[in-house]
PDB file of all heavy atoms in Angstrom:
ATOM      1  N   LYS A   1    -192.642  34.988  87.760  1.00  0.00           N
ATOM      2  CA  LYS A   1    -192.244  36.093  88.647  1.00  0.00           C
ATOM      3  C   LYS A   1    -192.836  35.967  90.065  1.00  0.00           C
ATOM      4  O   LYS A   1    -193.906  35.776  90.302  1.00  0.00           O
ATOM      5  CB  LYS A   1    -192.708  37.377  88.052  1.00  0.00           C
ATOM      6  CG  LYS A   1    -192.114  38.590  88.760  1.00  0.00           C
ATOM      7  CD  LYS A   1    -192.645  39.886  88.066  1.00  0.00           C
ATOM      8  CE  LYS A   1    -192.059  41.122  88.749  1.00  0.00           C
ATOM      9  NZ  LYS A   1    -192.555  42.363  88.086  1.00  0.00           N
ATOM     10  N   GLY A   2    -191.830  35.867  91.076  1.00  0.00           N
ATOM     11  CA  GLY A   2    -192.259  35.665  92.421  1.00  0.00           C
ATOM     12  C   GLY A   2    -192.607  34.274  92.838  1.00  0.00           C
ATOM     13  O   GLY A   2    -192.849  33.955  93.969  1.00  0.00           O
ATOM     14  N   LYS A   3    -192.518  33.414  91.828  1.00  0.00           N
ATOM     15  CA  LYS A   3    -192.777  31.993  92.018  1.00  0.00           C
ATOM     16  C   LYS A   3    -191.382  31.202  91.693  1.00  0.00           C
ATOM     17  O   LYS A   3    -190.777  30.706  92.760  1.00  0.00           O
ATOM     18  CB  LYS A   3    -193.795  31.406  91.163  1.00  0.00           C
ATOM     19  CG  LYS A   3    -195.142  32.113  91.432  1.00  0.00           C
ATOM     20  CD  LYS A   3    -196.213  31.593  90.432  1.00  0.00           C
ATOM     21  CE  LYS A   3    -197.562  32.420  90.577  1.00  0.00           C
ATOM     22  NZ  LYS A   3    -198.487  31.947  89.573  1.00  0.00           N
ATOM     23  N   HIS A   4    -191.131  31.268  90.562  1.00  0.00           N
ATOM     24  CA  HIS A   4    -189.804  30.492  90.242  1.00  0.00           C
ATOM     25  C   HIS A   4    -188.737  31.547  90.333  1.00  0.00           C
ATOM     26  O   HIS A   4    -187.616  31.147  90.909  1.00  0.00           O
ATOM     27  CB  HIS A   4    -189.893  30.213  88.721  1.00  0.00           C
ATOM     28  CG  HIS A   4    -188.729  29.239  88.307  1.00  0.00           C
ATOM     29  ND1 HIS A   4    -188.853  28.242  87.246  1.00  0.00           N
ATOM     30  CD2 HIS A   4    -187.440  29.212  88.643  1.00  0.00           C
ATOM     31  CE1 HIS A   4    -187.655  27.630  87.101  1.00  0.00           C
ATOM     32  NE2 HIS A   4    -186.838  28.239  87.959  1.00  0.00           N
ATOM     33  N   PHE A   5    -188.798  32.796  90.025  1.00  0.00           N
ATOM     34  CA  PHE A   5    -187.722  33.674  89.985  1.00  0.00           C
ATOM     35  C   PHE A   5    -187.772  34.878  90.949  1.00  0.00           C
ATOM     36  O   PHE A   5    -188.891  35.229  91.325  1.00  0.00           O
ATOM     37  CB  PHE A   5    -187.627  34.378  88.503  1.00  0.00           C
ATOM     38  CG  PHE A   5    -187.687  33.288  87.410  1.00  0.00           C
ATOM     39  CD1 PHE A   5    -188.777  33.317  86.666  1.00  0.00           C
ATOM     40  CD2 PHE A   5    -186.510  32.516  87.145  1.00  0.00           C
ATOM     41  CE1 PHE A   5    -188.802  32.402  85.557  1.00  0.00           C
ATOM     42  CE2 PHE A   5    -186.575  31.568  86.191  1.00  0.00           C
ATOM     43  CZ  PHE A   5    -187.640  31.521  85.365  1.00  0.00           C
ATOM     44  N   ASP A   6    -186.675  35.380  91.488  1.00  0.00           N
ATOM     45  CA  ASP A   6    -186.606  36.568  92.203  1.00  0.00           C
ATOM     46  C   ASP A   6    -187.310  37.602  91.404  1.00  0.00           C
ATOM     47  O   ASP A   6    -186.894  38.004  90.416  1.00  0.00           O
ATOM     48  CB  ASP A   6    -185.031  36.967  92.438  1.00  0.00           C
ATOM     49  CG  ASP A   6    -184.858  38.111  93.157  1.00  0.00           C
ATOM     50  OD1 ASP A   6    -185.755  39.113  93.103  1.00  0.00           O
ATOM     51  OD2 ASP A   6    -183.784  38.458  93.715  1.00  0.00           O
ATOM     52  N   PRO A   7    -188.351  38.134  92.070  1.00  0.00           N
ATOM     53  CA  PRO A   7    -189.242  39.119  91.235  1.00  0.00           C
ATOM     54  C   PRO A   7    -188.482  40.474  90.876  1.00  0.00           C
ATOM     55  O   PRO A   7    -188.667  40.983  89.766  1.00  0.00           O
ATOM     56  CB  PRO A   7    -190.386  39.412  92.224  1.00  0.00           C
ATOM     57  CG  PRO A   7    -189.942  39.154  93.580  1.00  0.00           C
ATOM     58  CD  PRO A   7    -188.936  37.923  93.317  1.00  0.00           C
ATOM     59  N   LEU A   8    -187.736  40.893  91.712  1.00  0.00           N
ATOM     60  CA  LEU A   8    -186.924  42.136  91.353  1.00  0.00           C
ATOM     61  C   LEU A   8    -185.938  41.950  90.302  1.00  0.00           C
ATOM     62  O   LEU A   8    -185.763  42.736  89.394  1.00  0.00           O
ATOM     63  CB  LEU A   8    -186.375  42.736  92.636  1.00  0.00           C
ATOM     64  CG  LEU A   8    -185.566  44.069  92.592  1.00  0.00           C
ATOM     65  CD1 LEU A   8    -186.498  45.144  92.085  1.00  0.00           C
ATOM     66  CD2 LEU A   8    -185.001  44.446  93.955  1.00  0.00           C
ATOM     67  N   MET A   9    -185.364  40.844  90.478  1.00  0.00           N
ATOM     68  CA  MET A   9    -184.214  40.474  89.387  1.00  0.00           C
ATOM     69  C   MET A   9    -184.936  40.138  88.070  1.00  0.00           C
ATOM     70  O   MET A   9    -184.364  40.669  87.038  1.00  0.00           O
ATOM     71  CB  MET A   9    -183.389  39.209  89.968  1.00  0.00           C
ATOM     72  CG  MET A   9    -182.100  38.968  89.326  1.00  0.00           C
ATOM     73  SD  MET A   9    -181.283  37.498  90.020  1.00  0.00           S
ATOM     74  CE  MET A   9    -180.682  38.123  91.533  1.00  0.00           C
ATOM     75  N   LEU A  10    -185.975  39.506  87.987  1.00  0.00           N
ATOM     76  CA  LEU A  10    -186.656  39.197  86.874  1.00  0.00           C
ATOM     77  C   LEU A  10    -187.200  40.484  86.143  1.00  0.00           C
ATOM     78  O   LEU A  10    -187.169  40.734  84.961  1.00  0.00           O
ATOM     79  CB  LEU A  10    -187.842  38.228  86.949  1.00  0.00           C
ATOM     80  CG  LEU A  10    -188.508  37.676  85.764  1.00  0.00           C
ATOM     81  CD1 LEU A  10    -187.724  37.016  84.835  1.00  0.00           C
ATOM     82  CD2 LEU A  10    -189.796  37.110  85.968  1.00  0.00           C
ATOM     83  N   GLN A  11    -187.620  41.458  86.958  1.00  0.00           N
ATOM     84  CA  GLN A  11    -188.195  42.722  86.451  1.00  0.00           C
ATOM     85  C   GLN A  11    -186.999  43.480  85.690  1.00  0.00           C
ATOM     86  O   GLN A  11    -187.294  44.061  84.577  1.00  0.00           O
ATOM     87  CB  GLN A  11    -188.622  43.532  87.562  1.00  0.00           C
ATOM     88  CG  GLN A  11    -189.444  44.773  87.043  1.00  0.00           C
ATOM     89  CD  GLN A  11    -190.627  44.494  86.045  1.00  0.00           C
ATOM     90  OE1 GLN A  11    -191.416  43.702  86.446  1.00  0.00           O
ATOM     91  NE2 GLN A  11    -190.570  45.086  84.919  1.00  0.00           N
ATOM     92  N   VAL A  12    -185.874  43.432  86.261  1.00  0.00           N
ATOM     93  CA  VAL A  12    -184.622  44.065  85.672  1.00  0.00           C
ATOM     94  C   VAL A  12    -184.375  43.376  84.312  1.00  0.00           C
ATOM     95  O   VAL A  12    -184.126  44.018  83.285  1.00  0.00           O
ATOM     96  CB  VAL A  12    -183.418  44.074  86.458  1.00  0.00           C
ATOM     97  CG1 VAL A  12    -182.278  44.521  85.752  1.00  0.00           C
ATOM     98  CG2 VAL A  12    -183.718  44.980  87.812  1.00  0.00           C
ATOM     99  N   PHE A  13    -184.431  42.085  84.385  1.00  0.00           N
ATOM    100  CA  PHE A  13    -184.277  41.296  83.132  1.00  0.00           C
ATOM    101  C   PHE A  13    -185.291  41.690  82.054  1.00  0.00           C
ATOM    102  O   PHE A  13    -184.934  41.944  80.852  1.00  0.00           O
ATOM    103  CB  PHE A  13    -184.338  39.756  83.402  1.00  0.00           C
ATOM    104  CG  PHE A  13    -184.199  38.903  82.211  1.00  0.00           C
ATOM    105  CD1 PHE A  13    -183.006  38.379  81.876  1.00  0.00           C
ATOM    106  CD2 PHE A  13    -185.371  38.500  81.563  1.00  0.00           C
ATOM    107  CE1 PHE A  13    -182.863  37.535  80.899  1.00  0.00           C
ATOM    108  CE2 PHE A  13    -185.142  37.672  80.326  1.00  0.00           C
ATOM    109  CZ  PHE A  13    -183.869  37.136  80.071  1.00  0.00           C
ATOM    110  N   MET A  14    -186.474  41.789  82.389  1.00  0.00           N
ATOM    111  CA  MET A  14    -187.551  42.213  81.419  1.00  0.00           C
ATOM    112  C   MET A  14    -187.318  43.689  80.986  1.00  0.00           C
ATOM    113  O   MET A  14    -187.610  43.928  79.848  1.00  0.00           O
ATOM    114  CB  MET A  14    -188.925  42.070  82.037  1.00  0.00           C
ATOM    115  CG  MET A  14    -189.246  40.617  82.293  1.00  0.00           C
ATOM    116  SD  MET A  14    -189.197  39.519  80.788  1.00  0.00           S
ATOM    117  CE  MET A  14    -189.523  38.009  81.532  1.00  0.00           C
ATOM    118  N   ASP A  15    -186.942  44.591  81.885  1.00  0.00           N
ATOM    119  CA  ASP A  15    -186.856  45.795  81.547  1.00  0.00           C
ATOM    120  C   ASP A  15    -185.587  46.186  80.522  1.00  0.00           C
ATOM    121  O   ASP A  15    -185.503  47.102  79.928  1.00  0.00           O
ATOM    122  CB  ASP A  15    -186.493  46.840  82.804  1.00  0.00           C
ATOM    123  CG  ASP A  15    -187.697  46.865  83.683  1.00  0.00           C
ATOM    124  OD1 ASP A  15    -188.892  46.649  83.134  1.00  0.00           O
ATOM    125  OD2 ASP A  15    -187.550  47.334  84.825  1.00  0.00           O
ATOM    126  N   ASN A  16    -184.783  45.092  80.552  1.00  0.00           N
ATOM    127  CA  ASN A  16    -183.593  45.210  79.622  1.00  0.00           C
ATOM    128  C   ASN A  16    -183.553  44.047  78.590  1.00  0.00           C
ATOM    129  O   ASN A  16    -182.503  43.546  78.305  1.00  0.00           O
ATOM    130  CB  ASN A  16    -182.292  45.276  80.409  1.00  0.00           C
ATOM    131  CG  ASN A  16    -182.266  46.501  81.301  1.00  0.00           C
ATOM    132  OD1 ASN A  16    -181.787  47.534  80.882  1.00  0.00           O
ATOM    133  ND2 ASN A  16    -182.720  46.374  82.567  1.00  0.00           N
ATOM    134  N   GLU A  17    -184.717  43.492  78.353  1.00  0.00           N
ATOM    135  CA  GLU A  17    -184.769  42.236  77.523  1.00  0.00           C
ATOM    136  C   GLU A  17    -184.011  42.233  76.264  1.00  0.00           C
ATOM    137  O   GLU A  17    -183.498  41.337  75.675  1.00  0.00           O
ATOM    138  CB  GLU A  17    -186.212  41.862  77.287  1.00  0.00           C
ATOM    139  CG  GLU A  17    -187.113  42.896  76.558  1.00  0.00           C
ATOM    140  CD  GLU A  17    -188.525  42.329  76.417  1.00  0.00           C
ATOM    141  OE1 GLU A  17    -188.746  41.324  75.923  1.00  0.00           O
ATOM    142  OE2 GLU A  17    -189.374  43.200  76.768  1.00  0.00           O
ATOM    143  N   GLN A  18    -183.989  43.421  75.524  1.00  0.00           N
ATOM    144  CA  GLN A  18    -183.339  43.712  74.395  1.00  0.00           C
ATOM    145  C   GLN A  18    -181.806  43.279  74.452  1.00  0.00           C
ATOM    146  O   GLN A  18    -181.228  42.600  73.556  1.00  0.00           O
ATOM    147  CB  GLN A  18    -183.462  45.039  73.914  1.00  0.00           C
ATOM    148  CG  GLN A  18    -182.844  45.233  72.417  1.00  0.00           C
ATOM    149  CD  GLN A  18    -183.379  44.415  71.292  1.00  0.00           C
ATOM    150  OE1 GLN A  18    -184.600  44.100  71.382  1.00  0.00           O
ATOM    151  NE2 GLN A  18    -182.697  44.083  70.205  1.00  0.00           N
ATOM    152  N   ARG A  19    -181.128  43.556  75.521  1.00  0.00           N
ATOM    153  CA  ARG A  19    -179.826  43.158  75.696  1.00  0.00           C
ATOM    154  C   ARG A  19    -179.722  41.729  75.703  1.00  0.00           C
ATOM    155  O   ARG A  19    -178.597  41.114  75.188  1.00  0.00           O
ATOM    156  CB  ARG A  19    -179.386  43.698  77.044  1.00  0.00           C
ATOM    157  CG  ARG A  19    -179.269  45.274  77.194  1.00  0.00           C
ATOM    158  CD  ARG A  19    -178.520  45.759  78.471  1.00  0.00           C
ATOM    159  NE  ARG A  19    -178.731  47.160  78.618  1.00  0.00           N
ATOM    160  CZ  ARG A  19    -177.926  47.873  79.459  1.00  0.00           C
ATOM    161  NH1 ARG A  19    -176.873  47.134  80.091  1.00  0.00           N
ATOM    162  NH2 ARG A  19    -178.165  49.097  79.644  1.00  0.00           N
ATOM    163  N   PHE A  20    -180.582  40.991  76.346  1.00  0.00           N
ATOM    164  CA  PHE A  20    -180.347  39.588  76.484  1.00  0.00           C
ATOM    165  C   PHE A  20    -180.747  38.856  75.140  1.00  0.00           C
ATOM    166  O   PHE A  20    -180.161  37.830  74.809  1.00  0.00           O
ATOM    167  CB  PHE A  20    -181.279  39.003  77.613  1.00  0.00           C
ATOM    168  CG  PHE A  20    -180.847  39.560  78.978  1.00  0.00           C
ATOM    169  CD1 PHE A  20    -181.531  40.613  79.372  1.00  0.00           C
ATOM    170  CD2 PHE A  20    -179.848  39.094  79.599  1.00  0.00           C
ATOM    171  CE1 PHE A  20    -181.002  41.238  80.630  1.00  0.00           C
ATOM    172  CE2 PHE A  20    -179.344  39.551  80.761  1.00  0.00           C
ATOM    173  CZ  PHE A  20    -179.992  40.718  81.300  1.00  0.00           C
ATOM    174  N   PHE A  21    -181.667  39.387  74.262  1.00  0.00           N
ATOM    175  CA  PHE A  21    -182.044  39.035  72.989  1.00  0.00           C
ATOM    176  C   PHE A  21    -180.811  39.110  72.144  1.00  0.00           C
ATOM    177  O   PHE A  21    -180.540  38.208  71.344  1.00  0.00           O
ATOM    178  CB  PHE A  21    -183.235  39.708  72.431  1.00  0.00           C
ATOM    179  CG  PHE A  21    -183.628  39.360  71.067  1.00  0.00           C
ATOM    180  CD1 PHE A  21    -184.223  38.227  70.782  1.00  0.00           C
ATOM    181  CD2 PHE A  21    -183.246  40.287  70.040  1.00  0.00           C
ATOM    182  CE1 PHE A  21    -184.588  37.831  69.397  1.00  0.00           C
ATOM    183  CE2 PHE A  21    -183.571  39.972  68.813  1.00  0.00           C
ATOM    184  CZ  PHE A  21    -184.249  38.663  68.428  1.00  0.00           C
ATOM    185  N   GLU A  22    -180.143  40.194  72.363  1.00  0.00           N
ATOM    186  CA  GLU A  22    -178.948  40.396  71.465  1.00  0.00           C
ATOM    187  C   GLU A  22    -177.783  39.412  71.771  1.00  0.00           C
ATOM    188  O   GLU A  22    -177.063  38.889  70.918  1.00  0.00           O
ATOM    189  CB  GLU A  22    -178.471  41.758  71.624  1.00  0.00           C
ATOM    190  CG  GLU A  22    -179.413  42.897  70.952  1.00  0.00           C
ATOM    191  CD  GLU A  22    -178.929  44.332  71.405  1.00  0.00           C
ATOM    192  OE1 GLU A  22    -178.040  44.522  72.115  1.00  0.00           O
ATOM    193  OE2 GLU A  22    -179.564  45.287  70.969  1.00  0.00           O
ATOM    194  N   ILE A  23    -177.642  39.092  72.998  1.00  0.00           N
ATOM    195  CA  ILE A  23    -176.677  38.025  73.485  1.00  0.00           C
ATOM    196  C   ILE A  23    -177.097  36.695  72.794  1.00  0.00           C
ATOM    197  O   ILE A  23    -176.206  36.092  72.282  1.00  0.00           O
ATOM    198  CB  ILE A  23    -176.572  37.981  74.889  1.00  0.00           C
ATOM    199  CG1 ILE A  23    -175.950  39.185  75.638  1.00  0.00           C
ATOM    200  CG2 ILE A  23    -175.873  36.696  75.388  1.00  0.00           C
ATOM    201  CD1 ILE A  23    -175.965  39.254  77.025  1.00  0.00           C
ATOM    202  N   ALA A  24    -178.345  36.321  72.909  1.00  0.00           N
ATOM    203  CA  ALA A  24    -178.941  35.030  72.247  1.00  0.00           C
ATOM    204  C   ALA A  24    -178.542  35.065  70.815  1.00  0.00           C
ATOM    205  O   ALA A  24    -178.192  34.025  70.296  1.00  0.00           O
ATOM    206  CB  ALA A  24    -180.328  34.966  72.566  1.00  0.00           C
ATOM    207  N   GLU A  25    -178.772  36.197  70.229  1.00  0.00           N
ATOM    208  CA  GLU A  25    -178.481  36.208  68.699  1.00  0.00           C
ATOM    209  C   GLU A  25    -177.076  36.265  68.374  1.00  0.00           C
ATOM    210  O   GLU A  25    -176.643  35.489  67.377  1.00  0.00           O
ATOM    211  CB  GLU A  25    -179.056  37.542  68.054  1.00  0.00           C
ATOM    212  CG  GLU A  25    -180.597  37.558  68.034  1.00  0.00           C
ATOM    213  CD  GLU A  25    -181.079  36.523  66.948  1.00  0.00           C
ATOM    214  OE1 GLU A  25    -180.696  36.700  65.744  1.00  0.00           O
ATOM    215  OE2 GLU A  25    -181.824  35.548  67.361  1.00  0.00           O
ATOM    216  N   LYS A  26    -176.202  36.826  69.177  1.00  0.00           N
ATOM    217  CA  LYS A  26    -174.754  36.818  68.914  1.00  0.00           C
ATOM    218  C   LYS A  26    -174.193  35.403  69.019  1.00  0.00           C
ATOM    219  O   LYS A  26    -173.303  35.045  68.341  1.00  0.00           O
ATOM    220  CB  LYS A  26    -174.210  37.743  69.947  1.00  0.00           C
ATOM    221  CG  LYS A  26    -172.593  37.831  69.659  1.00  0.00           C
ATOM    222  CD  LYS A  26    -172.028  38.956  70.648  1.00  0.00           C
ATOM    223  CE  LYS A  26    -170.461  39.020  70.423  1.00  0.00           C
ATOM    224  NZ  LYS A  26    -169.855  40.054  71.367  1.00  0.00           N
ATOM    225  N   TYR A  27    -174.734  34.716  70.050  1.00  0.00           N
ATOM    226  CA  TYR A  27    -174.054  33.242  70.254  1.00  0.00           C
ATOM    227  C   TYR A  27    -175.112  32.188  69.926  1.00  0.00           C
ATOM    228  O   TYR A  27    -174.983  31.108  70.562  1.00  0.00           O
ATOM    229  CB  TYR A  27    -173.673  33.262  71.681  1.00  0.00           C
ATOM    230  CG  TYR A  27    -172.608  34.166  72.001  1.00  0.00           C
ATOM    231  CD1 TYR A  27    -173.023  35.352  72.930  1.00  0.00           C
ATOM    232  CD2 TYR A  27    -171.327  34.154  71.752  1.00  0.00           C
ATOM    233  CE1 TYR A  27    -171.991  36.367  73.324  1.00  0.00           C
ATOM    234  CE2 TYR A  27    -170.305  35.101  72.088  1.00  0.00           C
ATOM    235  CZ  TYR A  27    -170.708  36.158  72.875  1.00  0.00           C
ATOM    236  OH  TYR A  27    -169.789  37.024  73.268  1.00  0.00           O
ATOM    237  N   LYS A  28    -176.035  32.469  69.062  1.00  0.00           N
ATOM    238  CA  LYS A  28    -176.921  31.397  68.677  1.00  0.00           C
ATOM    239  C   LYS A  28    -176.276  30.141  68.121  1.00  0.00           C
ATOM    240  O   LYS A  28    -175.187  30.303  67.457  1.00  0.00           O
ATOM    241  CB  LYS A  28    -177.893  31.996  67.742  1.00  0.00           C
ATOM    242  CG  LYS A  28    -177.533  32.287  66.349  1.00  0.00           C
ATOM    243  CD  LYS A  28    -178.646  32.952  65.635  1.00  0.00           C
ATOM    244  CE  LYS A  28    -178.269  33.364  64.131  1.00  0.00           C
ATOM    245  NZ  LYS A  28    -179.257  33.919  63.410  1.00  0.00           N
TER     246      LYS A  28
END
């Protein structure tokens, strides 16, 4: 965070991590 990734964008990703986990599961 703030090194590799846009810190604000990554925070939104983390705040909504369940959504991305569900995508990963759906298309695993």
